[in-house]
């Protein structure tokens, strides 16, 4: 998967590596911002039964 991403990015190898790191960072940020909070709200396993 990573080789496919690096082959698709333009530029010399050092620039492709930098672009890949930025791309992965953006994906992780998007997951932490929108996807994981949405999953935790709709998940029945996050409800606490201790009082």
C-alpha atoms as a PDB file:
ATOM      1  CA  UNK A   1       0.000   0.000   0.000  1.00  0.00           C
ATOM      2  CA  UNK A   2       2.752   2.467   0.911  1.00  0.00           C
ATOM      3  CA  UNK A   3       4.692   1.631  -2.253  1.00  0.00           C
ATOM      4  CA  UNK A   4       1.582   2.379  -4.314  1.00  0.00           C
ATOM      5  CA  UNK A   5       1.206   5.769  -2.596  1.00  0.00           C
ATOM      6  CA  UNK A   6       4.882   6.643  -3.105  1.00  0.00           C
ATOM      7  CA  UNK A   7       4.736   5.692  -6.801  1.00  0.00           C
ATOM      8  CA  UNK A   8       1.712   7.953  -7.364  1.00  0.00           C
ATOM      9  CA  UNK A   9       3.159  11.079  -5.731  1.00  0.00           C
ATOM     10  CA  UNK A  10       5.145  13.495  -7.935  1.00  0.00           C
ATOM     11  CA  UNK A  11       8.675  14.718  -7.316  1.00  0.00           C
ATOM     12  CA  UNK A  12      12.016  13.387  -6.126  1.00  0.00           C
ATOM     13  CA  UNK A  13      12.146  10.680  -3.428  1.00  0.00           C
ATOM     14  CA  UNK A  14      12.652  13.073  -0.509  1.00  0.00           C
ATOM     15  CA  UNK A  15       9.624  15.133  -1.575  1.00  0.00           C
ATOM     16  CA  UNK A  16       7.477  12.026  -2.058  1.00  0.00           C
ATOM     17  CA  UNK A  17       8.393  10.871   1.442  1.00  0.00           C
ATOM     18  CA  UNK A  18       7.476  14.247   2.894  1.00  0.00           C
ATOM     19  CA  UNK A  19       4.174  14.263   1.009  1.00  0.00           C
ATOM     20  CA  UNK A  20       3.385  10.739   2.220  1.00  0.00           C
ATOM     21  CA  UNK A  21       4.058  11.718   5.847  1.00  0.00           C
ATOM     22  CA  UNK A  22       1.808  14.774   5.507  1.00  0.00           C
ATOM     23  CA  UNK A  23      -0.897  12.672   3.845  1.00  0.00           C
ATOM     24  CA  UNK A  24      -0.826  10.071   6.619  1.00  0.00           C
ATOM     25  CA  UNK A  25      -0.939  12.851   9.224  1.00  0.00           C
ATOM     26  CA  UNK A  26      -3.992  14.382   7.582  1.00  0.00           C
ATOM     27  CA  UNK A  27      -5.743  11.022   7.448  1.00  0.00           C
ATOM     28  CA  UNK A  28      -5.040  10.357  11.134  1.00  0.00           C
ATOM     29  CA  UNK A  29      -6.213  13.856  12.066  1.00  0.00           C
ATOM     30  CA  UNK A  30      -9.444  13.364  10.114  1.00  0.00           C
ATOM     31  CA  UNK A  31     -10.091  10.021  11.767  1.00  0.00           C
ATOM     32  CA  UNK A  32      -9.488  11.418  15.251  1.00  0.00           C
ATOM     33  CA  UNK A  33     -11.632  14.487  14.583  1.00  0.00           C
ATOM     34  CA  UNK A  34     -14.699  13.053  12.847  1.00  0.00           C
ATOM     35  CA  UNK A  35     -14.798   9.275  12.578  1.00  0.00           C
ATOM     36  CA  UNK A  36     -13.807   8.038  16.040  1.00  0.00           C
ATOM     37  CA  UNK A  37     -16.070  10.471  17.990  1.00  0.00           C
ATOM     38  CA  UNK A  38     -19.001   9.478  15.780  1.00  0.00           C
ATOM     39  CA  UNK A  39     -18.322   5.790  16.406  1.00  0.00           C
ATOM     40  CA  UNK A  40     -18.040   6.279  20.171  1.00  0.00           C
ATOM     41  CA  UNK A  41     -21.389   8.125  20.281  1.00  0.00           C
ATOM     42  CA  UNK A  42     -23.213   5.332  18.478  1.00  0.00           C
ATOM     43  CA  UNK A  43     -21.417   2.468  20.224  1.00  0.00           C
ATOM     44  CA  UNK A  44     -23.255   0.638  23.016  1.00  0.00           C
ATOM     45  CA  UNK A  45     -19.952  -0.440  24.618  1.00  0.00           C
ATOM     46  CA  UNK A  46     -19.013   3.044  25.799  1.00  0.00           C
ATOM     47  CA  UNK A  47     -21.905   3.395  28.256  1.00  0.00           C
ATOM     48  CA  UNK A  48     -20.833   3.183  31.873  1.00  0.00           C
ATOM     49  CA  UNK A  49     -22.924   1.137  34.291  1.00  0.00           C
ATOM     50  CA  UNK A  50     -21.003   2.126  37.407  1.00  0.00           C
ATOM     51  CA  UNK A  51     -22.589   4.774  39.553  1.00  0.00           C
END
